[in-house]
Amino acid sequence: MALRRLVHIILNPAAGSRNKSLLQDVTARLERSGVSVKVEETTGPGDATRLAHRAALGGKADVIVAAGGDGTINEVARGLRGQSVPLGIIPLGTANVLAIELGLRPRGDEVANMLLAGPARLVGTGLVDGKVFLLMIGIGFDGAVIHDVNPALKRRFGKGAVIWSGLKVWWRGPGTAIHLVVDGREKQAQWVVVLNGRYFAGPYVLSRAGDLSMPGLTLFLFHKGSRFALVRYLIALGLGCVERLSDVEVLSARRVEVQGNGDVCVETDGDDSGRLPLLIEQGTQMLRLVVPQGWNP
């Protein structure tokens, strides 16, 4: 018997068009289990936050589900800030980092079973300029990659469009140095990543000690910006050994002030989020997240 009776899905139709079969499979399985499913589609940036907040205030949904990529999940999470209704996910995006954190494969049976009866666990969050993020902030290289991705190519080719953008950013060479104040200490780097969990850019472990279920941010400062250095960093990321590199500084952080004049790009949870300056802080509120049975971060 289903533990949840009303599932409210907020769908990013751009992501859903690439993974339509998964969405249909999950929805059909939920309905066969006696669950009432409501689907609302987003129409533009920020729409998922508004829809999620309205659904939470309605008080009828047992879980509010983000159907899309990590950026869509981020927007829904922002709409649920301070609300008791838990967040669920249907991973339809390009990288699906949160699904990887949860050990959730994009299979209809696994996703539907989680939404039906998975426990709602508290997870830590971060804040960027006062807004919630769940996974990561990238400043510099990956911020430029996400900023330069052609949306039409991404809809058609998914990860291929991101790789092509990455090659172009890599070829341009070093960007502007990034100046930070980390818990009162001045720092400088060529590329900065702030992580709330373990994974980055897909199934790649960046922080071996990362724990999504606990409050706390890990800051990675990549000190070199040459093409050769970026290749080294990306190879180390693929091998899961970035933390061993001598030119990468790893810090625990509660407050990170990132200075700049608007010429450095930023990505938040896989979506373009503008340019510097910005303020990153450890979140003050936990989020209720529906996870698979037996999930152990």
Protein backbone atom coordinates (compact mmCIF):
# COMPACT_ATOMS: atom_id res chain seq x y z
CA MET A 1 0.00 0.00 0.00
CA ALA A 2 1.34 3.45 -0.90
CA LEU A 3 2.45 5.62 1.98
CA ARG A 4 1.86 8.74 -0.08
CA ARG A 5 -1.46 9.52 -1.74
CA LEU A 6 -0.92 12.82 -3.58
CA VAL A 7 2.25 13.51 -5.56
CA HIS A 8 2.63 16.98 -7.04
CA ILE A 9 5.16 17.02 -9.92
CA ILE A 10 6.74 20.22 -11.19
CA LEU A 11 8.11 19.47 -14.64
CA ASN A 12 10.73 21.29 -16.65
CA PRO A 13 9.42 20.43 -20.13
CA ALA A 14 12.81 21.02 -21.77
CA ALA A 15 14.38 18.28 -19.64
CA GLY A 16 11.25 16.13 -19.88
CA SER A 17 11.42 16.09 -23.67
CA ARG A 18 14.77 14.27 -23.49
CA ASN A 19 13.56 11.71 -20.95
CA LYS A 20 9.86 11.51 -21.72
CA SER A 21 9.73 7.73 -21.28
CA LEU A 22 11.07 7.89 -17.70
CA LEU A 23 8.52 10.50 -16.70
CA GLN A 24 5.68 8.52 -18.26
CA ASP A 25 6.87 5.29 -16.62
CA VAL A 26 7.10 6.85 -13.15
CA THR A 27 3.72 8.55 -13.47
CA ALA A 28 2.04 5.34 -14.64
CA ARG A 29 3.53 3.33 -11.79
CA LEU A 30 2.38 5.88 -9.22
CA GLU A 31 -1.14 5.93 -10.60
CA ARG A 32 -1.34 2.11 -10.68
CA SER A 33 -0.45 2.18 -6.99
CA GLY A 34 -3.47 4.37 -6.24
CA VAL A 35 -1.62 7.66 -6.04
CA SER A 36 -3.16 10.87 -7.34
CA VAL A 37 -0.61 12.64 -9.53
CA LYS A 38 -0.72 16.30 -10.46
CA VAL A 39 1.76 17.68 -13.02
CA GLU A 40 2.51 21.37 -13.55
CA GLU A 41 4.94 22.56 -16.21
CA THR A 42 7.35 25.44 -15.85
CA THR A 43 7.46 28.17 -18.47
CA GLY A 44 10.71 29.93 -17.65
CA PRO A 45 13.48 30.55 -15.09
CA GLY A 46 12.23 30.88 -11.51
CA ASP A 47 8.83 29.43 -12.34
CA ALA A 48 9.52 26.17 -10.46
CA THR A 49 10.16 28.11 -7.26
CA ARG A 50 6.83 29.91 -7.50
CA LEU A 51 4.91 26.71 -8.33
CA ALA A 52 6.57 24.76 -5.51
CA HIS A 53 5.83 27.46 -2.94
CA ARG A 54 2.21 27.65 -4.02
CA ALA A 55 1.84 23.86 -3.88
CA ALA A 56 3.39 23.74 -0.41
CA LEU A 57 1.06 26.42 0.90
CA GLY A 58 -1.89 24.46 -0.52
CA GLY A 59 -1.16 21.77 2.06
CA LYS A 60 -2.51 18.83 0.04
CA ALA A 61 0.61 17.23 -1.47
CA ASP A 62 2.45 14.48 0.40
CA VAL A 63 5.57 15.22 -1.65
CA ILE A 64 6.45 17.90 -4.18
CA VAL A 65 8.59 16.47 -6.95
CA ALA A 66 11.08 18.26 -9.18
CA ALA A 67 11.10 16.55 -12.58
CA GLY A 68 14.12 17.89 -14.43
CA GLY A 69 17.82 18.45 -13.91
CA ASP A 70 19.71 19.72 -10.90
CA GLY A 71 18.80 23.31 -11.78
CA THR A 72 15.09 22.51 -11.67
CA ILE A 73 15.59 20.69 -8.37
CA ASN A 74 17.35 23.77 -7.03
CA GLU A 75 14.40 26.00 -7.97
CA VAL A 76 11.86 23.67 -6.36
CA ALA A 77 14.00 23.45 -3.21
CA ARG A 78 13.98 27.25 -2.98
CA GLY A 79 10.19 27.20 -3.11
CA LEU A 80 10.07 24.66 -0.26
CA ARG A 81 12.38 26.60 2.07
CA GLY A 82 10.78 26.75 5.50
CA GLN A 83 7.98 24.34 4.52
CA SER A 84 7.36 20.89 6.01
CA VAL A 85 6.41 19.08 2.79
CA PRO A 86 9.37 17.03 1.47
CA LEU A 87 11.09 17.34 -1.88
CA GLY A 88 11.22 14.40 -4.28
CA ILE A 89 13.00 14.10 -7.61
CA ILE A 90 12.60 12.52 -11.03
CA PRO A 91 16.06 12.86 -12.63
CA LEU A 92 15.54 14.09 -16.20
CA GLY A 93 18.57 16.34 -16.59
CA THR A 94 21.99 16.16 -18.17
CA ALA A 95 24.19 15.36 -15.16
CA ASN A 96 21.67 14.46 -12.39
CA VAL A 97 24.22 14.99 -9.61
CA LEU A 98 21.64 14.82 -6.81
CA ALA A 99 20.38 11.46 -8.09
CA ILE A 100 23.98 10.23 -8.07
CA GLU A 101 24.38 11.46 -4.47
CA LEU A 102 21.31 9.39 -3.58
CA GLY A 103 22.39 6.31 -5.54
CA LEU A 104 19.19 6.65 -7.58
CA ARG A 105 19.30 5.27 -11.10
CA PRO A 106 17.01 6.76 -13.78
CA ARG A 107 14.74 3.71 -13.79
CA GLY A 108 10.99 3.97 -13.47
CA ASP A 109 10.65 1.27 -10.81
CA GLU A 110 13.35 2.74 -8.56
CA VAL A 111 12.13 6.31 -8.82
CA ALA A 112 8.46 5.38 -8.31
CA ASN A 113 9.25 3.18 -5.29
CA MET A 114 11.24 6.00 -3.72
CA LEU A 115 8.42 8.51 -4.22
CA LEU A 116 5.86 6.06 -2.86
CA ALA A 117 7.59 4.91 0.28
CA GLY A 118 11.11 6.36 0.57
CA PRO A 119 11.90 8.08 3.87
CA ALA A 120 12.12 11.86 4.07
CA ARG A 121 15.60 12.66 5.39
CA LEU A 122 16.99 16.01 6.49
CA VAL A 123 19.83 17.26 4.29
CA GLY A 124 22.08 20.27 4.60
CA THR A 125 21.86 23.27 2.30
CA GLY A 126 23.96 26.23 1.29
CA LEU A 127 23.04 29.83 0.56
CA VAL A 128 24.22 31.97 -2.33
CA ASP A 129 23.22 35.60 -1.93
CA GLY A 130 20.54 34.37 0.48
CA LYS A 131 19.08 31.77 -1.90
CA VAL A 132 19.22 28.01 -1.31
CA PHE A 133 21.52 25.69 -3.21
CA LEU A 134 21.83 21.94 -2.69
CA LEU A 135 24.93 20.74 -4.48
CA MET A 136 27.55 23.16 -5.73
CA ILE A 137 28.68 26.61 -6.77
CA GLY A 138 31.25 26.85 -9.56
CA ILE A 139 33.15 30.11 -10.14
CA GLY A 140 35.43 30.55 -13.13
CA PHE A 141 35.99 27.64 -15.51
CA ASP A 142 32.77 25.65 -15.07
CA GLY A 143 30.77 28.85 -14.61
CA ALA A 144 31.98 29.96 -18.05
CA VAL A 145 31.25 26.52 -19.53
CA ILE A 146 27.63 26.58 -18.34
CA HIS A 147 27.21 30.23 -19.32
CA ASP A 148 28.40 29.53 -22.88
CA VAL A 149 26.31 26.39 -23.51
CA ASN A 150 23.97 26.85 -26.45
CA PRO A 151 20.46 26.01 -25.12
CA ALA A 152 19.30 24.58 -28.44
CA LEU A 153 22.35 22.32 -28.66
CA LYS A 154 21.86 21.23 -25.06
CA ARG A 155 18.23 20.25 -25.72
CA ARG A 156 19.37 18.21 -28.71
CA PHE A 157 22.70 16.75 -27.60
CA GLY A 158 22.65 16.95 -23.77
CA LYS A 159 26.15 16.34 -22.36
CA GLY A 160 27.68 16.72 -25.81
CA ALA A 161 26.75 20.42 -25.84
CA VAL A 162 28.37 20.90 -22.43
CA ILE A 163 31.56 19.14 -23.56
CA TRP A 164 31.73 21.31 -26.68
CA SER A 165 31.33 24.45 -24.57
CA GLY A 166 34.04 23.19 -22.22
CA LEU A 167 36.48 22.72 -25.08
CA LYS A 168 35.89 26.27 -26.25
CA VAL A 169 36.38 27.72 -22.75
CA TRP A 170 39.51 25.61 -22.28
CA TRP A 171 40.95 26.86 -25.58
CA ARG A 172 40.48 30.49 -24.52
CA GLY A 173 42.95 29.87 -21.71
CA PRO A 174 43.23 31.44 -18.24
CA GLY A 175 40.46 33.69 -17.02
CA THR A 176 40.50 36.45 -14.42
CA ALA A 177 41.94 35.69 -10.97
CA ILE A 178 39.26 35.24 -8.30
CA HIS A 179 39.64 37.02 -4.96
CA LEU A 180 37.85 35.65 -1.89
CA VAL A 181 37.50 36.17 1.83
CA VAL A 182 36.97 32.76 3.47
CA ASP A 183 35.85 33.01 7.09
CA GLY A 184 37.89 36.19 7.40
CA ARG A 185 40.97 34.94 5.51
CA GLU A 186 41.93 36.43 2.14
CA LYS A 187 42.46 33.92 -0.66
CA GLN A 188 43.01 33.92 -4.42
CA ALA A 189 42.45 31.24 -7.09
CA GLN A 190 41.89 30.75 -10.81
CA TRP A 191 38.91 28.43 -10.37
CA VAL A 192 36.69 27.94 -7.30
CA VAL A 193 34.19 25.20 -6.45
CA VAL A 194 32.02 25.16 -3.32
CA LEU A 195 30.54 21.75 -2.60
CA ASN A 196 27.72 20.64 -0.31
CA GLY A 197 28.11 16.90 -0.99
CA ARG A 198 30.61 14.55 -2.66
CA TYR A 199 30.00 14.67 -6.40
CA PHE A 200 30.70 17.27 -9.08
CA ALA A 201 29.73 17.47 -12.77
CA GLY A 202 28.20 14.00 -12.79
CA PRO A 203 29.53 10.76 -11.28
CA TYR A 204 32.87 12.29 -10.23
CA VAL A 205 33.88 12.33 -6.58
CA LEU A 206 35.42 15.69 -5.72
CA SER A 207 35.10 15.58 -1.92
CA ARG A 208 35.63 12.14 -0.41
CA ALA A 209 34.50 13.40 3.00
CA GLY A 210 31.45 15.25 1.68
CA ASP A 211 28.13 14.40 3.34
CA LEU A 212 24.90 15.80 1.94
CA SER A 213 23.02 14.80 5.09
CA MET A 214 25.09 17.13 7.30
CA PRO A 215 25.47 20.93 7.25
CA GLY A 216 28.82 22.08 5.98
CA LEU A 217 30.51 23.37 2.83
CA THR A 218 33.83 22.32 1.29
CA LEU A 219 35.77 24.89 -0.70
CA PHE A 220 38.17 23.91 -3.50
CA LEU A 221 40.65 26.55 -4.68
CA PHE A 222 42.36 25.66 -7.96
CA HIS A 223 45.41 27.89 -8.03
CA LYS A 224 46.57 27.53 -11.64
CA GLY A 225 44.61 28.48 -14.75
CA SER A 226 46.71 27.36 -17.72
CA ARG A 227 45.34 24.92 -20.29
CA PHE A 228 47.74 22.26 -19.01
CA ALA A 229 46.64 22.82 -15.41
CA LEU A 230 42.95 22.51 -16.36
CA VAL A 231 43.65 19.21 -18.10
CA ARG A 232 45.44 17.98 -14.95
CA TYR A 233 42.50 19.04 -12.78
CA LEU A 234 39.94 17.33 -15.01
CA ILE A 235 41.97 14.10 -15.19
CA ALA A 236 42.30 14.15 -11.39
CA LEU A 237 38.55 14.70 -11.11
CA GLY A 238 37.92 11.67 -13.30
CA LEU A 239 40.26 9.63 -11.09
CA GLY A 240 38.77 10.96 -7.85
CA CYS A 241 42.06 12.39 -6.55
CA VAL A 242 41.73 16.19 -6.85
CA GLU A 243 42.31 16.56 -3.11
CA ARG A 244 45.82 15.12 -3.50
CA LEU A 245 47.04 17.81 -5.89
CA SER A 246 49.52 20.25 -4.39
CA ASP A 247 48.10 23.23 -6.27
CA VAL A 248 44.54 22.65 -5.04
CA GLU A 249 43.63 24.02 -1.61
CA VAL A 250 40.72 22.35 0.21
CA LEU A 251 39.01 24.16 3.09
CA SER A 252 35.92 23.81 5.22
CA ALA A 253 34.01 27.05 5.03
CA ARG A 254 31.01 28.72 6.62
CA ARG A 255 31.13 32.10 4.85
CA VAL A 256 32.79 32.88 1.53
CA GLU A 257 32.75 36.41 0.14
CA VAL A 258 33.73 36.30 -3.53
CA GLN A 259 34.83 39.64 -4.90
CA GLY A 260 34.70 40.70 -8.53
CA ASN A 261 33.58 43.28 -11.05
CA GLY A 262 31.24 41.13 -13.11
CA ASP A 263 33.71 39.50 -15.51
CA VAL A 264 33.69 36.02 -13.90
CA CYS A 265 30.80 33.61 -14.55
CA VAL A 266 29.07 31.51 -11.88
CA GLU A 267 27.02 28.31 -12.03
CA THR A 268 24.73 27.10 -9.26
CA ASP A 269 23.62 23.47 -9.21
CA GLY A 270 24.43 23.15 -12.90
CA ASP A 271 22.63 26.28 -14.10
CA ASP A 272 24.03 29.65 -15.15
CA SER A 273 23.58 32.07 -12.25
CA GLY A 274 25.21 35.26 -13.39
CA ARG A 275 28.51 36.80 -12.41
CA LEU A 276 30.49 38.03 -9.43
CA PRO A 277 30.40 39.36 -6.77
CA LEU A 278 28.47 37.01 -4.48
CA LEU A 279 28.22 35.74 -0.93
CA ILE A 280 28.15 32.01 -0.16
CA GLU A 281 27.17 30.75 3.30
CA GLN A 282 26.43 27.49 5.05
CA GLY A 283 22.67 27.08 5.13
CA THR A 284 20.80 27.73 8.35
CA GLN A 285 17.89 25.42 7.49
CA MET A 286 17.78 21.73 6.65
CA LEU A 287 15.60 20.47 3.80
CA ARG A 288 13.39 17.37 3.90
CA LEU A 289 14.33 15.19 0.93
CA VAL A 290 12.72 11.90 -0.08
CA VAL A 291 15.52 9.33 -0.51
CA PRO A 292 15.67 5.65 -1.51
CA GLN A 293 15.17 3.04 1.19
CA GLY A 294 18.49 2.31 2.90
CA TRP A 295 20.24 5.42 1.64
CA ASN A 296 23.47 5.89 3.58
CA PRO A 297 25.51 8.95 2.51
